[in-house]
PDB file of N, CA and C in Angstrom:
ATOM      1  N   MET A   1     -26.292 -22.726 -24.417  1.00  0.00           N
ATOM      2  CA  MET A   1     -26.308 -22.228 -23.040  1.00  0.00           C
ATOM      3  C   MET A   1     -24.883 -22.067 -22.595  1.00  0.00           C
ATOM      4  N   ARG A   2     -24.406 -20.977 -22.160  1.00  0.00           N
ATOM      5  CA  ARG A   2     -23.157 -20.737 -21.571  1.00  0.00           C
ATOM      6  C   ARG A   2     -22.985 -21.235 -20.061  1.00  0.00           C
ATOM      7  N   PRO A   3     -21.816 -21.895 -19.731  1.00  0.00           N
ATOM      8  CA  PRO A   3     -21.544 -22.214 -18.340  1.00  0.00           C
ATOM      9  C   PRO A   3     -21.554 -21.036 -17.570  1.00  0.00           C
ATOM     10  N   THR A   4     -21.873 -21.084 -16.354  1.00  0.00           N
ATOM     11  CA  THR A   4     -21.634 -20.021 -15.346  1.00  0.00           C
ATOM     12  C   THR A   4     -20.151 -19.899 -14.987  1.00  0.00           C
ATOM     13  N   PRO A   5     -19.584 -18.721 -15.138  1.00  0.00           N
ATOM     14  CA  PRO A   5     -18.188 -18.644 -14.897  1.00  0.00           C
ATOM     15  C   PRO A   5     -17.993 -18.881 -13.310  1.00  0.00           C
ATOM     16  N   LEU A   6     -16.970 -19.487 -12.885  1.00  0.00           N
ATOM     17  CA  LEU A   6     -16.562 -19.780 -11.587  1.00  0.00           C
ATOM     18  C   LEU A   6     -15.935 -18.593 -10.939  1.00  0.00           C
ATOM     19  N   ARG A   7     -16.444 -18.190  -9.822  1.00  0.00           N
ATOM     20  CA  ARG A   7     -15.882 -17.078  -9.052  1.00  0.00           C
ATOM     21  C   ARG A   7     -14.847 -17.603  -8.062  1.00  0.00           C
ATOM     22  N   PRO A   8     -13.873 -16.898  -7.863  1.00  0.00           N
ATOM     23  CA  PRO A   8     -12.741 -17.227  -6.735  1.00  0.00           C
ATOM     24  C   PRO A   8     -13.473 -17.125  -5.521  1.00  0.00           C
ATOM     25  N   SER A   9     -13.273 -18.179  -4.736  1.00  0.00           N
ATOM     26  CA  SER A   9     -13.822 -18.181  -3.317  1.00  0.00           C
ATOM     27  C   SER A   9     -13.286 -17.101  -2.473  1.00  0.00           C
ATOM     28  N   ALA A  10     -14.146 -16.299  -1.746  1.00  0.00           N
ATOM     29  CA  ALA A  10     -13.561 -15.166  -0.955  1.00  0.00           C
ATOM     30  C   ALA A  10     -13.005 -15.863   0.302  1.00  0.00           C
ATOM     31  N   ALA A  11     -12.063 -15.237   0.729  1.00  0.00           N
ATOM     32  CA  ALA A  11     -11.355 -15.710   2.004  1.00  0.00           C
ATOM     33  C   ALA A  11     -12.124 -15.117   3.145  1.00  0.00           C
ATOM     34  N   PRO A  12     -12.060 -15.880   4.328  1.00  0.00           N
ATOM     35  CA  PRO A  12     -12.921 -15.493   5.387  1.00  0.00           C
ATOM     36  C   PRO A  12     -12.415 -14.021   5.750  1.00  0.00           C
ATOM     37  N   ALA A  13     -13.370 -13.241   6.364  1.00  0.00           N
ATOM     38  CA  ALA A  13     -12.942 -11.884   6.670  1.00  0.00           C
ATOM     39  C   ALA A  13     -11.746 -11.731   7.640  1.00  0.00           C
ATOM     40  N   ALA A  14     -11.616 -12.768   8.554  1.00  0.00           N
ATOM     41  CA  ALA A  14     -10.636 -12.622   9.577  1.00  0.00           C
ATOM     42  C   ALA A  14      -9.184 -12.764   8.855  1.00  0.00           C
ATOM     43  N   THR A  15      -9.095 -13.541   7.680  1.00  0.00           N
ATOM     44  CA  THR A  15      -7.876 -13.648   7.171  1.00  0.00           C
ATOM     45  C   THR A  15      -7.648 -12.640   5.961  1.00  0.00           C
ATOM     46  N   GLN A  16      -8.559 -11.789   5.568  1.00  0.00           N
ATOM     47  CA  GLN A  16      -8.348 -10.837   4.640  1.00  0.00           C
ATOM     48  C   GLN A  16      -7.453  -9.605   5.216  1.00  0.00           C
ATOM     49  N   GLN A  17      -6.379  -9.305   4.527  1.00  0.00           N
ATOM     50  CA  GLN A  17      -5.681  -8.033   5.215  1.00  0.00           C
ATOM     51  C   GLN A  17      -5.775  -6.926   4.189  1.00  0.00           C
ATOM     52  N   ALA A  18      -7.040  -6.276   4.151  1.00  0.00           N
ATOM     53  CA  ALA A  18      -7.347  -5.139   3.167  1.00  0.00           C
ATOM     54  C   ALA A  18      -6.586  -3.920   3.765  1.00  0.00           C
ATOM     55  N   VAL A  19      -5.540  -3.336   2.895  1.00  0.00           N
ATOM     56  CA  VAL A  19      -4.923  -2.333   3.211  1.00  0.00           C
ATOM     57  C   VAL A  19      -5.440  -1.163   2.302  1.00  0.00           C
ATOM     58  N   PRO A  20      -6.096  -0.244   2.821  1.00  0.00           N
ATOM     59  CA  PRO A  20      -6.561   0.883   2.163  1.00  0.00           C
ATOM     60  C   PRO A  20      -5.513   1.662   1.496  1.00  0.00           C
ATOM     61  N   PRO A  21      -5.673   2.182   0.222  1.00  0.00           N
ATOM     62  CA  PRO A  21      -4.595   2.811  -0.414  1.00  0.00           C
ATOM     63  C   PRO A  21      -4.494   4.376   0.332  1.00  0.00           C
ATOM     64  N   SER A  22      -3.185   4.815   0.354  1.00  0.00           N
ATOM     65  CA  SER A  22      -3.037   6.066   0.946  1.00  0.00           C
ATOM     66  C   SER A  22      -3.731   7.105   0.058  1.00  0.00           C
ATOM     67  N   ARG A  23      -4.576   7.913   0.823  1.00  0.00           N
ATOM     68  CA  ARG A  23      -5.301   8.980   0.216  1.00  0.00           C
ATOM     69  C   ARG A  23      -4.484  10.306   0.546  1.00  0.00           C
ATOM     70  N   TYR A  24      -4.274  11.171  -0.513  1.00  0.00           N
ATOM     71  CA  TYR A  24      -3.546  12.451  -0.177  1.00  0.00           C
ATOM     72  C   TYR A  24      -4.622  13.522  -0.312  1.00  0.00           C
ATOM     73  N   LEU A  25      -4.429  14.431   0.496  1.00  0.00           N
ATOM     74  CA  LEU A  25      -5.262  15.629   0.523  1.00  0.00           C
ATOM     75  C   LEU A  25      -4.411  16.845   0.360  1.00  0.00           C
ATOM     76  N   THR A  26      -5.025  17.896  -0.323  1.00  0.00           N
ATOM     77  CA  THR A  26      -4.466  19.180  -0.420  1.00  0.00           C
ATOM     78  C   THR A  26      -4.509  19.920   0.837  1.00  0.00           C
ATOM     79  N   ASN A  27      -3.788  21.155   0.868  1.00  0.00           N
ATOM     80  CA  ASN A  27      -3.660  21.812   2.094  1.00  0.00           C
ATOM     81  C   ASN A  27      -5.132  22.110   2.655  1.00  0.00           C
ATOM     82  N   ASP A  28      -5.961  22.690   1.796  1.00  0.00           N
ATOM     83  CA  ASP A  28      -7.274  23.068   2.176  1.00  0.00           C
ATOM     84  C   ASP A  28      -8.060  21.804   2.649  1.00  0.00           C
ATOM     85  N   GLU A  29      -7.994  20.741   1.915  1.00  0.00           N
ATOM     86  CA  GLU A  29      -8.675  19.555   2.399  1.00  0.00           C
ATOM     87  C   GLU A  29      -8.102  18.888   3.793  1.00  0.00           C
ATOM     88  N   ALA A  30      -6.851  19.052   3.959  1.00  0.00           N
ATOM     89  CA  ALA A  30      -6.269  18.662   5.200  1.00  0.00           C
ATOM     90  C   ALA A  30      -6.799  19.540   6.318  1.00  0.00           C
ATOM     91  N   ALA A  31      -6.768  20.684   6.139  1.00  0.00           N
ATOM     92  CA  ALA A  31      -7.202  21.771   7.074  1.00  0.00           C
ATOM     93  C   ALA A  31      -8.725  21.429   7.404  1.00  0.00           C
ATOM     94  N   ASP A  32      -9.495  21.136   6.508  1.00  0.00           N
ATOM     95  CA  ASP A  32     -10.888  20.829   6.701  1.00  0.00           C
ATOM     96  C   ASP A  32     -10.993  19.545   7.551  1.00  0.00           C
ATOM     97  N   TYR A  33     -10.122  18.590   7.100  1.00  0.00           N
ATOM     98  CA  TYR A  33     -10.145  17.270   7.886  1.00  0.00           C
ATOM     99  C   TYR A  33      -9.777  17.336   9.478  1.00  0.00           C
ATOM    100  N   LEU A  34      -8.849  18.310   9.561  1.00  0.00           N
ATOM    101  CA  LEU A  34      -8.277  18.546  10.999  1.00  0.00           C
ATOM    102  C   LEU A  34      -9.098  19.602  11.708  1.00  0.00           C
ATOM    103  N   ARG A  35      -9.909  20.412  10.971  1.00  0.00           N
ATOM    104  CA  ARG A  35     -10.765  21.492  11.522  1.00  0.00           C
ATOM    105  C   ARG A  35      -9.696  22.641  11.838  1.00  0.00           C
ATOM    106  N   LEU A  36      -8.859  22.898  11.025  1.00  0.00           N
ATOM    107  CA  LEU A  36      -7.879  23.961  11.142  1.00  0.00           C
ATOM    108  C   LEU A  36      -8.063  24.792  10.148  1.00  0.00           C
ATOM    109  N   SER A  37      -7.422  26.106  10.258  1.00  0.00           N
ATOM    110  CA  SER A  37      -7.209  26.885   9.285  1.00  0.00           C
ATOM    111  C   SER A  37      -6.292  26.488   8.208  1.00  0.00           C
ATOM    112  N   PRO A  38      -6.373  26.672   6.891  1.00  0.00           N
ATOM    113  CA  PRO A  38      -5.295  26.193   5.950  1.00  0.00           C
ATOM    114  C   PRO A  38      -4.049  27.181   6.251  1.00  0.00           C
ATOM    115  N   ARG A  39      -4.199  28.254   6.763  1.00  0.00           N
ATOM    116  CA  ARG A  39      -3.030  28.960   7.100  1.00  0.00           C
ATOM    117  C   ARG A  39      -2.242  28.610   8.270  1.00  0.00           C
ATOM    118  N   THR A  40      -2.986  27.902   9.250  1.00  0.00           N
ATOM    119  CA  THR A  40      -2.166  27.270  10.234  1.00  0.00           C
ATOM    120  C   THR A  40      -1.269  26.096   9.757  1.00  0.00           C
ATOM    121  N   LEU A  41      -1.820  25.339   8.839  1.00  0.00           N
ATOM    122  CA  LEU A  41      -0.871  24.335   8.206  1.00  0.00           C
ATOM    123  C   LEU A  41       0.252  24.922   7.467  1.00  0.00           C
ATOM    124  N   GLU A  42      -0.064  25.923   6.676  1.00  0.00           N
ATOM    125  CA  GLU A  42       0.968  26.595   5.965  1.00  0.00           C
ATOM    126  C   GLU A  42       1.998  27.098   6.830  1.00  0.00           C
ATOM    127  N   LYS A  43       1.657  27.687   8.059  1.00  0.00           N
ATOM    128  CA  LYS A  43       2.625  28.404   8.960  1.00  0.00           C
ATOM    129  C   LYS A  43       3.409  27.082   9.562  1.00  0.00           C
ATOM    130  N   GLN A  44       2.824  26.027   9.944  1.00  0.00           N
ATOM    131  CA  GLN A  44       3.588  24.973  10.603  1.00  0.00           C
ATOM    132  C   GLN A  44       4.393  24.188   9.548  1.00  0.00           C
ATOM    133  N   ARG A  45       4.303  24.388   8.389  1.00  0.00           N
ATOM    134  CA  ARG A  45       5.183  23.794   7.266  1.00  0.00           C
ATOM    135  C   ARG A  45       6.547  24.637   7.361  1.00  0.00           C
ATOM    136  N   VAL A  46       6.354  25.926   7.626  1.00  0.00           N
ATOM    137  CA  VAL A  46       7.611  26.861   7.675  1.00  0.00           C
ATOM    138  C   VAL A  46       8.257  26.723   8.887  1.00  0.00           C
ATOM    139  N   ILE A  47       7.609  26.815  10.198  1.00  0.00           N
ATOM    140  CA  ILE A  47       8.257  26.846  11.420  1.00  0.00           C
ATOM    141  C   ILE A  47       8.425  25.400  12.096  1.00  0.00           C
ATOM    142  N   GLY A  48       7.743  24.483  11.376  1.00  0.00           N
ATOM    143  CA  GLY A  48       7.807  23.130  11.938  1.00  0.00           C
ATOM    144  C   GLY A  48       6.725  22.796  12.961  1.00  0.00           C
ATOM    145  N   GLY A  49       6.619  21.436  13.329  1.00  0.00           N
ATOM    146  CA  GLY A  49       5.652  21.173  14.369  1.00  0.00           C
ATOM    147  C   GLY A  49       4.416  20.730  13.796  1.00  0.00           C
ATOM    148  N   GLY A  50       4.165  20.684  12.494  1.00  0.00           N
ATOM    149  CA  GLY A  50       3.044  20.316  12.000  1.00  0.00           C
ATOM    150  C   GLY A  50       2.958  18.904  11.287  1.00  0.00           C
ATOM    151  N   PRO A  51       2.015  18.443  10.778  1.00  0.00           N
ATOM    152  CA  PRO A  51       1.929  17.012  10.191  1.00  0.00           C
ATOM    153  C   PRO A  51       3.003  16.952   9.126  1.00  0.00           C
ATOM    154  N   ARG A  52       3.440  15.646   8.834  1.00  0.00           N
ATOM    155  CA  ARG A  52       4.400  15.321   7.699  1.00  0.00           C
ATOM    156  C   ARG A  52       3.602  15.726   6.325  1.00  0.00           C
ATOM    157  N   PHE A  53       4.213  16.317   5.445  1.00  0.00           N
ATOM    158  CA  PHE A  53       3.661  16.507   4.106  1.00  0.00           C
ATOM    159  C   PHE A  53       4.463  16.075   2.977  1.00  0.00           C
ATOM    160  N   ARG A  54       3.927  16.019   1.743  1.00  0.00           N
ATOM    161  CA  ARG A  54       4.759  15.653   0.629  1.00  0.00           C
ATOM    162  C   ARG A  54       4.558  16.891  -0.369  1.00  0.00           C
ATOM    163  N   LYS A  55       5.579  16.955  -1.131  1.00  0.00           N
ATOM    164  CA  LYS A  55       5.596  17.878  -2.266  1.00  0.00           C
ATOM    165  C   LYS A  55       5.778  17.183  -3.523  1.00  0.00           C
ATOM    166  N   PHE A  56       4.836  17.427  -4.570  1.00  0.00           N
ATOM    167  CA  PHE A  56       4.631  16.958  -5.805  1.00  0.00           C
ATOM    168  C   PHE A  56       4.835  18.209  -6.741  1.00  0.00           C
ATOM    169  N   GLY A  57       6.055  18.571  -7.181  1.00  0.00           N
ATOM    170  CA  GLY A  57       6.310  19.846  -7.721  1.00  0.00           C
ATOM    171  C   GLY A  57       6.003  20.928  -6.973  1.00  0.00           C
ATOM    172  N   ARG A  58       5.058  21.696  -7.252  1.00  0.00           N
ATOM    173  CA  ARG A  58       4.680  22.873  -6.352  1.00  0.00           C
ATOM    174  C   ARG A  58       3.524  22.541  -5.435  1.00  0.00           C
ATOM    175  N   ARG A  59       3.024  21.466  -5.605  1.00  0.00           N
ATOM    176  CA  ARG A  59       1.763  21.028  -4.885  1.00  0.00           C
ATOM    177  C   ARG A  59       2.186  20.511  -3.567  1.00  0.00           C
ATOM    178  N   VAL A  60       1.576  20.817  -2.409  1.00  0.00           N
ATOM    179  CA  VAL A  60       1.754  20.116  -1.116  1.00  0.00           C
ATOM    180  C   VAL A  60       0.576  19.271  -0.952  1.00  0.00           C
ATOM    181  N   MET A  61       0.896  17.950  -0.435  1.00  0.00           N
ATOM    182  CA  MET A  61      -0.086  17.041  -0.153  1.00  0.00           C
ATOM    183  C   MET A  61       0.103  16.343   1.013  1.00  0.00           C
ATOM    184  N   TYR A  62      -0.897  15.973   1.743  1.00  0.00           N
ATOM    185  CA  TYR A  62      -0.818  15.370   3.095  1.00  0.00           C
ATOM    186  C   TYR A  62      -1.517  13.974   2.886  1.00  0.00           C
ATOM    187  N   ALA A  63      -0.874  12.932   3.486  1.00  0.00           N
ATOM    188  CA  ALA A  63      -1.496  11.602   3.540  1.00  0.00           C
ATOM    189  C   ALA A  63      -2.437  11.564   4.915  1.00  0.00           C
ATOM    190  N   VAL A  64      -3.550  10.997   4.692  1.00  0.00           N
ATOM    191  CA  VAL A  64      -4.605  10.834   5.728  1.00  0.00           C
ATOM    192  C   VAL A  64      -3.958  10.143   6.958  1.00  0.00           C
ATOM    193  N   ASN A  65      -3.023   9.209   6.662  1.00  0.00           N
ATOM    194  CA  ASN A  65      -2.544   8.443   7.926  1.00  0.00           C
ATOM    195  C   ASN A  65      -1.624   9.376   8.600  1.00  0.00           C
ATOM    196  N   ASP A  66      -0.806  10.296   7.926  1.00  0.00           N
ATOM    197  CA  ASP A  66      -0.023  11.234   8.613  1.00  0.00           C
ATOM    198  C   ASP A  66      -0.761  12.274   9.464  1.00  0.00           C
ATOM    199  N   LEU A  67      -1.981  12.722   8.901  1.00  0.00           N
ATOM    200  CA  LEU A  67      -2.716  13.675   9.712  1.00  0.00           C
ATOM    201  C   LEU A  67      -3.095  12.939  10.887  1.00  0.00           C
ATOM    202  N   ASP A  68      -3.732  11.597  10.843  1.00  0.00           N
ATOM    203  CA  ASP A  68      -4.193  10.924  11.971  1.00  0.00           C
ATOM    204  C   ASP A  68      -3.193  10.821  13.062  1.00  0.00           C
ATOM    205  N   ALA A  69      -1.967  10.365  12.432  1.00  0.00           N
ATOM    206  CA  ALA A  69      -0.866  10.194  13.578  1.00  0.00           C
ATOM    207  C   ALA A  69      -0.492  11.421  14.244  1.00  0.00           C
ATOM    208  N   TRP A  70      -0.420  12.534  13.511  1.00  0.00           N
ATOM    209  CA  TRP A  70      -0.127  13.756  14.186  1.00  0.00           C
ATOM    210  C   TRP A  70      -1.058  14.202  15.130  1.00  0.00           C
ATOM    211  N   ALA A  71      -2.376  14.024  14.758  1.00  0.00           N
ATOM    212  CA  ALA A  71      -3.482  14.296  15.779  1.00  0.00           C
ATOM    213  C   ALA A  71      -3.439  13.451  16.940  1.00  0.00           C
ATOM    214  N   ASP A  72      -3.174  12.189  16.724  1.00  0.00           N
ATOM    215  CA  ASP A  72      -3.068  11.278  17.916  1.00  0.00           C
ATOM    216  C   ASP A  72      -2.017  11.500  18.879  1.00  0.00           C
ATOM    217  N   ALA A  73      -0.897  12.093  18.234  1.00  0.00           N
ATOM    218  CA  ALA A  73       0.289  12.477  19.189  1.00  0.00           C
ATOM    219  C   ALA A  73      -0.201  13.601  19.966  1.00  0.00           C
ATOM    220  N   ARG A  74      -1.182  14.327  19.841  1.00  0.00           N
ATOM    221  CA  ARG A  74      -1.440  15.453  20.685  1.00  0.00           C
ATOM    222  C   ARG A  74      -2.778  15.208  21.519  1.00  0.00           C
ATOM    223  N   SER A  75      -2.912  13.873  21.969  1.00  0.00           N
ATOM    224  CA  SER A  75      -4.133  13.663  22.751  1.00  0.00           C
ATOM    225  C   SER A  75      -3.626  13.440  24.172  1.00  0.00           C
ATOM    226  N   TYR A  76      -4.436  14.120  25.167  1.00  0.00           N
ATOM    227  CA  TYR A  76      -3.941  14.010  26.509  1.00  0.00           C
ATOM    228  C   TYR A  76      -5.130  13.839  27.375  1.00  0.00           C
ATOM    229  N   GLU A  77      -4.873  13.482  28.548  1.00  0.00           N
ATOM    230  CA  GLU A  77      -6.119  13.097  29.557  1.00  0.00           C
ATOM    231  C   GLU A  77      -6.663  14.287  30.234  1.00  0.00           C
ATOM    232  N   ALA A  78      -5.532  15.292  30.615  1.00  0.00           N
ATOM    233  CA  ALA A  78      -5.859  16.415  31.402  1.00  0.00           C
ATOM    234  C   ALA A  78      -4.835  17.330  31.143  1.00  0.00           C
ATOM    235  N   THR A  79      -5.093  18.825  31.471  1.00  0.00           N
ATOM    236  CA  THR A  79      -4.073  19.693  31.296  1.00  0.00           C
ATOM    237  C   THR A  79      -2.962  19.502  32.313  1.00  0.00           C
ATOM    238  N   CYS A  80      -3.267  18.754  33.466  1.00  0.00           N
ATOM    239  CA  CYS A  80      -2.225  18.523  34.431  1.00  0.00           C
ATOM    240  C   CYS A  80      -1.424  17.240  33.994  1.00  0.00           C
ATOM    241  N   ASP A  81      -1.614  16.673  32.922  1.00  0.00           N
ATOM    242  CA  ASP A  81      -0.810  15.485  32.325  1.00  0.00           C
ATOM    243  C   ASP A  81       0.641  16.020  32.189  1.00  0.00           C
ATOM    244  N   PRO A  82       1.572  15.211  32.659  1.00  0.00           N
ATOM    245  CA  PRO A  82       2.966  15.782  32.522  1.00  0.00           C
ATOM    246  C   PRO A  82       3.464  16.101  31.157  1.00  0.00           C
ATOM    247  N   GLU A  83       3.019  15.135  30.310  1.00  0.00           N
ATOM    248  CA  GLU A  83       3.465  15.285  28.831  1.00  0.00           C
ATOM    249  C   GLU A  83       2.809  16.592  28.182  1.00  0.00           C
ATOM    250  N   TYR A  84       1.486  17.037  28.616  1.00  0.00           N
ATOM    251  CA  TYR A  84       0.884  18.261  28.228  1.00  0.00           C
ATOM    252  C   TYR A  84       1.699  19.477  28.816  1.00  0.00           C
ATOM    253  N   ILE A  85       2.050  19.335  29.986  1.00  0.00           N
ATOM    254  CA  ILE A  85       2.669  20.457  30.686  1.00  0.00           C
ATOM    255  C   ILE A  85       4.141  20.535  30.050  1.00  0.00           C
ATOM    256  N   GLU A  86       4.753  19.377  29.729  1.00  0.00           N
ATOM    257  CA  GLU A  86       6.188  19.607  29.115  1.00  0.00           C
ATOM    258  C   GLU A  86       6.021  20.262  27.736  1.00  0.00           C
ATOM    259  N   ARG A  87       5.205  19.862  26.949  1.00  0.00           N
ATOM    260  CA  ARG A  87       4.939  20.247  25.632  1.00  0.00           C
ATOM    261  C   ARG A  87       4.530  21.682  25.531  1.00  0.00           C
ATOM    262  N   HIS A  88       3.683  22.161  26.639  1.00  0.00           N
ATOM    263  CA  HIS A  88       3.255  23.505  26.601  1.00  0.00           C
ATOM    264  C   HIS A  88       3.870  24.377  27.644  1.00  0.00           C
ATOM    265  N   ALA A  89       5.215  23.983  28.012  1.00  0.00           N
ATOM    266  CA  ALA A  89       5.873  24.768  28.999  1.00  0.00           C
ATOM    267  C   ALA A  89       6.153  26.125  28.559  1.00  0.00           C
ATOM    268  N   GLY A  90       6.271  26.549  27.236  1.00  0.00           N
ATOM    269  CA  GLY A  90       6.705  27.808  26.805  1.00  0.00           C
ATOM    270  C   GLY A  90       5.330  28.613  26.654  1.00  0.00           C
ATOM    271  N   ASP A  91       4.116  28.122  26.782  1.00  0.00           N
ATOM    272  CA  ASP A  91       2.883  28.921  26.594  1.00  0.00           C
ATOM    273  C   ASP A  91       2.988  29.930  27.654  1.00  0.00           C
ATOM    274  N   SER A  92       2.463  31.086  27.438  1.00  0.00           N
ATOM    275  CA  SER A  92       2.280  32.187  28.387  1.00  0.00           C
ATOM    276  C   SER A  92       1.239  31.783  29.488  1.00  0.00           C
ATOM    277  N   ARG A  93       0.388  30.962  29.173  1.00  0.00           N
ATOM    278  CA  ARG A  93      -0.628  30.657  30.138  1.00  0.00           C
ATOM    279  C   ARG A  93      -0.087  29.928  31.296  1.00  0.00           C
ATOM    280  N   HIS A  94       1.055  29.167  30.974  1.00  0.00           N
ATOM    281  CA  HIS A  94       1.729  28.370  31.930  1.00  0.00           C
ATOM    282  C   HIS A  94       2.784  29.050  32.761  1.00  0.00           C
ATOM    283  N   GLU A  95       3.080  30.233  32.370  1.00  0.00           N
ATOM    284  CA  GLU A  95       4.295  30.950  32.953  1.00  0.00           C
ATOM    285  C   GLU A  95       3.668  31.654  34.151  1.00  0.00           C
ATOM    286  N   ARG A  96       4.429  31.684  35.220  1.00  0.00           N
ATOM    287  CA  ARG A  96       4.060  32.436  36.495  1.00  0.00           C
ATOM    288  C   ARG A  96       4.972  33.557  36.821  1.00  0.00           C
TER     289      ARG A  96
END
């Protein structure tokens, strides 16, 4: 009879620091993730203002963490929020 192999004891959940690996998405996957048009992301890569991206040869990839950070930077309480007004000052809907 073989002895049962000993398993390493698992550390308590509070002390475990599980860092999920960065997941990279294609342009189409990133657009789906953000619920945007793929063309919107393509345009933002050219003119700026979009999420950070990486180039692997000809392939453009987005890290999920970068997409989340970009989306979080665009959260506002209301349209009268001073940050919102400042960011959208050039929009035609705010011009008088």
